[in-house]
Amino acid sequence: MSHPPYTEALTGSEGTAKGSGHPNVPEEVAILEVINKFLSCIKNKDRALMRSMVLPNGAATLIRRGKPVHLSLEAVVERIPVESKMEMDEQIYNCSVHVDGDLGVAWTPYLFLENGKLNHTGTNIFNMWKTESKGWIITGIADIAREVDEKAFDAFGEAEEWRKSQRPQ
């Protein structure tokens, strides 16, 4: 399966919006860069960097098997299994970002890979706040995760390939 490219119009091509010193960088790009950096911390198992990017008492609601799980953002960071040898990679695509002054929200469909294999799909909603000292930080997350099925591959035109892979040999 090929991995979805980030939407060029939203993410840019160089990944340098936040802290780049360029005053003309759209806020939407800066928000997605923060989110991508946050998600890269899952892959890199970097809790310290994740903590620096969130409002610690911010809230997260994770929908798992149709039931909500409410956590602080600090607790979300603590859930990252830094001792595990498993490779984890959450990749976002087809993102939508809205900004009103110092308030932002991002809708980020995602694929979650474990050891290079698609484990689940879903959508995150990130609530963002632009601070004077740190720039954009994450103040809240809503996340729904779904098991892998045909719908997970429809967005990439690969549903037929997935169906074939599920047939008995």
Protein backbone atom coordinates (compact mmCIF):
# COMPACT_ATOMS: atom_id res chain seq x y z
CA MET A 1 0.00 0.00 0.00
CA SER A 2 1.33 3.42 -0.85
CA HIS A 3 1.21 6.05 1.85
CA PRO A 4 -0.93 9.14 1.25
CA PRO A 5 0.95 12.34 0.53
CA TYR A 6 0.35 15.29 2.76
CA THR A 7 -1.83 17.90 1.17
CA GLU A 8 0.71 20.30 -0.34
CA ALA A 9 -1.52 23.34 -0.01
CA LEU A 10 -1.83 22.83 3.72
CA THR A 11 1.48 21.39 4.82
CA GLY A 12 3.96 22.98 2.45
CA SER A 13 6.88 21.09 1.02
CA GLU A 14 9.72 21.94 3.36
CA GLY A 15 8.19 21.55 6.80
CA THR A 16 9.54 24.86 8.06
CA ALA A 17 6.55 27.09 8.75
CA LYS A 18 6.70 27.21 12.56
CA GLY A 19 9.77 29.03 13.66
CA SER A 20 10.88 29.60 10.07
CA GLY A 21 10.99 33.34 10.54
CA HIS A 22 8.84 33.87 7.46
CA PRO A 23 5.94 36.18 8.37
CA ASN A 24 3.90 35.14 5.31
CA VAL A 25 3.49 31.50 6.35
CA PRO A 26 -0.22 30.72 6.63
CA GLU A 27 -1.38 29.84 10.11
CA GLU A 28 -2.98 26.67 8.72
CA VAL A 29 0.45 25.46 7.65
CA ALA A 30 1.95 26.27 11.05
CA ILE A 31 -0.84 24.34 12.80
CA LEU A 32 -0.29 21.25 10.65
CA GLU A 33 3.43 21.41 11.25
CA VAL A 34 2.83 21.34 15.00
CA ILE A 35 0.47 18.38 14.60
CA ASN A 36 2.93 16.52 12.35
CA LYS A 37 5.71 17.16 14.85
CA PHE A 38 3.47 15.93 17.68
CA LEU A 39 2.63 12.76 15.75
CA SER A 40 6.30 12.20 14.90
CA CYS A 41 6.87 11.96 18.65
CA ILE A 42 4.87 8.72 18.61
CA LYS A 43 7.28 7.25 16.07
CA ASN A 44 10.30 8.67 17.90
CA LYS A 45 8.87 7.83 21.35
CA ASP A 46 9.67 11.34 22.55
CA ARG A 47 7.38 12.12 25.47
CA ALA A 48 9.34 15.22 26.49
CA LEU A 49 8.78 16.91 23.14
CA MET A 50 5.12 15.86 23.14
CA ARG A 51 4.62 17.41 26.59
CA SER A 52 6.09 20.70 25.38
CA MET A 53 3.48 20.87 22.61
CA VAL A 54 0.32 20.45 24.70
CA LEU A 55 -1.65 22.23 27.38
CA PRO A 56 -1.09 19.62 30.15
CA ASN A 57 -4.57 19.97 31.62
CA GLY A 58 -6.11 19.98 28.16
CA ALA A 59 -8.55 17.19 27.42
CA ALA A 60 -8.69 14.26 25.04
CA THR A 61 -11.66 12.12 24.12
CA LEU A 62 -10.76 8.87 22.42
CA ILE A 63 -13.58 6.84 20.90
CA ARG A 64 -12.69 3.16 21.14
CA ARG A 65 -15.13 0.44 20.08
CA GLY A 66 -17.97 2.94 20.27
CA LYS A 67 -17.21 4.11 23.80
CA PRO A 68 -15.57 7.39 24.88
CA VAL A 69 -12.41 7.41 26.96
CA HIS A 70 -11.66 10.79 28.57
CA LEU A 71 -8.06 11.66 29.44
CA SER A 72 -5.89 14.67 30.09
CA LEU A 73 -3.36 15.45 27.39
CA GLU A 74 -0.66 14.55 29.90
CA ALA A 75 -2.23 11.07 30.18
CA VAL A 76 -2.27 10.79 26.38
CA VAL A 77 1.45 11.50 26.33
CA GLU A 78 2.05 8.88 29.04
CA ARG A 79 0.26 6.24 26.90
CA ILE A 80 3.10 6.28 24.35
CA PRO A 81 4.97 3.00 24.98
CA VAL A 82 8.51 4.33 24.93
CA GLU A 83 10.00 1.01 26.07
CA SER A 84 8.31 -0.98 23.30
CA LYS A 85 10.30 -2.12 20.29
CA MET A 86 7.21 -1.80 18.12
CA GLU A 87 7.50 0.85 15.41
CA MET A 88 4.45 3.13 15.40
CA ASP A 89 3.66 5.75 12.80
CA GLU A 90 0.51 7.87 12.54
CA GLN A 91 0.16 9.52 9.14
CA ILE A 92 -2.42 12.22 8.46
CA TYR A 93 -3.90 13.12 5.08
CA ASN A 94 -6.63 15.28 3.46
CA CYS A 95 -6.50 17.68 6.41
CA SER A 96 -8.78 20.63 6.94
CA VAL A 97 -7.74 23.54 9.16
CA HIS A 98 -9.71 26.57 10.30
CA VAL A 99 -8.28 29.57 12.15
CA ASP A 100 -9.87 32.53 13.94
CA GLY A 101 -7.17 34.69 15.51
CA ASP A 102 -5.41 32.64 18.18
CA LEU A 103 -7.86 29.73 17.93
CA GLY A 104 -7.49 26.90 15.45
CA VAL A 105 -9.01 23.52 14.75
CA ALA A 106 -7.71 20.74 12.48
CA TRP A 107 -9.61 17.75 11.12
CA THR A 108 -7.01 15.09 10.32
CA PRO A 109 -7.97 11.67 8.95
CA TYR A 110 -5.15 9.22 9.63
CA LEU A 111 -3.60 5.83 9.07
CA PHE A 112 -1.85 4.16 12.00
CA LEU A 113 0.91 1.71 11.15
CA GLU A 114 2.56 -0.76 13.50
CA ASN A 115 5.83 -2.22 12.28
CA GLY A 116 5.01 -0.87 8.81
CA LYS A 117 1.62 -2.60 8.61
CA LEU A 118 -1.71 -0.77 8.69
CA ASN A 119 -3.23 -1.37 12.15
CA HIS A 120 -6.16 1.03 12.19
CA THR A 121 -7.56 4.20 10.65
CA GLY A 122 -9.49 7.12 12.05
CA THR A 123 -9.82 10.84 12.39
CA ASN A 124 -8.37 13.28 14.90
CA ILE A 125 -9.71 16.70 15.75
CA PHE A 126 -7.05 18.96 17.23
CA ASN A 127 -8.01 22.14 19.09
CA MET A 128 -5.17 24.63 18.95
CA TRP A 129 -4.25 27.86 20.72
CA LYS A 130 -1.56 30.28 19.58
CA THR A 131 0.49 31.41 22.55
CA GLU A 132 2.96 34.26 22.61
CA SER A 133 5.77 32.12 24.03
CA LYS A 134 5.41 28.82 22.12
CA GLY A 135 3.28 29.58 19.10
CA TRP A 136 0.59 26.99 18.39
CA ILE A 137 -0.02 24.36 21.09
CA ILE A 138 -2.56 21.57 21.34
CA THR A 139 -5.32 22.23 23.89
CA GLY A 140 -7.59 19.33 23.07
CA ILE A 141 -7.87 16.18 20.96
CA ALA A 142 -10.80 14.07 19.86
CA ASP A 143 -9.90 10.80 18.15
CA ILE A 144 -11.87 7.93 16.69
CA ALA A 145 -10.14 4.71 15.69
CA ARG A 146 -11.56 2.05 13.39
CA GLU A 147 -10.36 -1.42 12.60
CA VAL A 148 -8.99 -1.88 9.13
CA ASP A 149 -11.63 -2.69 6.53
CA GLU A 150 -12.42 -1.92 2.93
CA LYS A 151 -13.37 1.69 3.74
CA ALA A 152 -9.85 2.34 4.96
CA PHE A 153 -8.56 1.79 1.44
CA ASP A 154 -11.34 3.53 -0.52
CA ALA A 155 -9.73 6.94 -0.09
CA PHE A 156 -6.66 5.76 -2.00
CA GLY A 157 -8.39 3.75 -4.70
CA GLU A 158 -6.93 0.56 -3.24
CA ALA A 159 -10.11 -1.12 -1.95
CA GLU A 160 -9.99 -3.80 -4.68
CA GLU A 161 -6.39 -4.64 -3.77
CA TRP A 162 -7.40 -4.93 -0.12
CA ARG A 163 -10.38 -7.20 -0.97
CA LYS A 164 -8.06 -9.50 -2.94
CA SER A 165 -5.62 -9.66 -0.03
CA GLN A 166 -8.44 -10.80 2.28
CA ARG A 167 -9.52 -13.75 0.10
CA PRO A 168 -8.33 -17.22 1.10
CA GLN A 169 -5.44 -18.41 -1.04
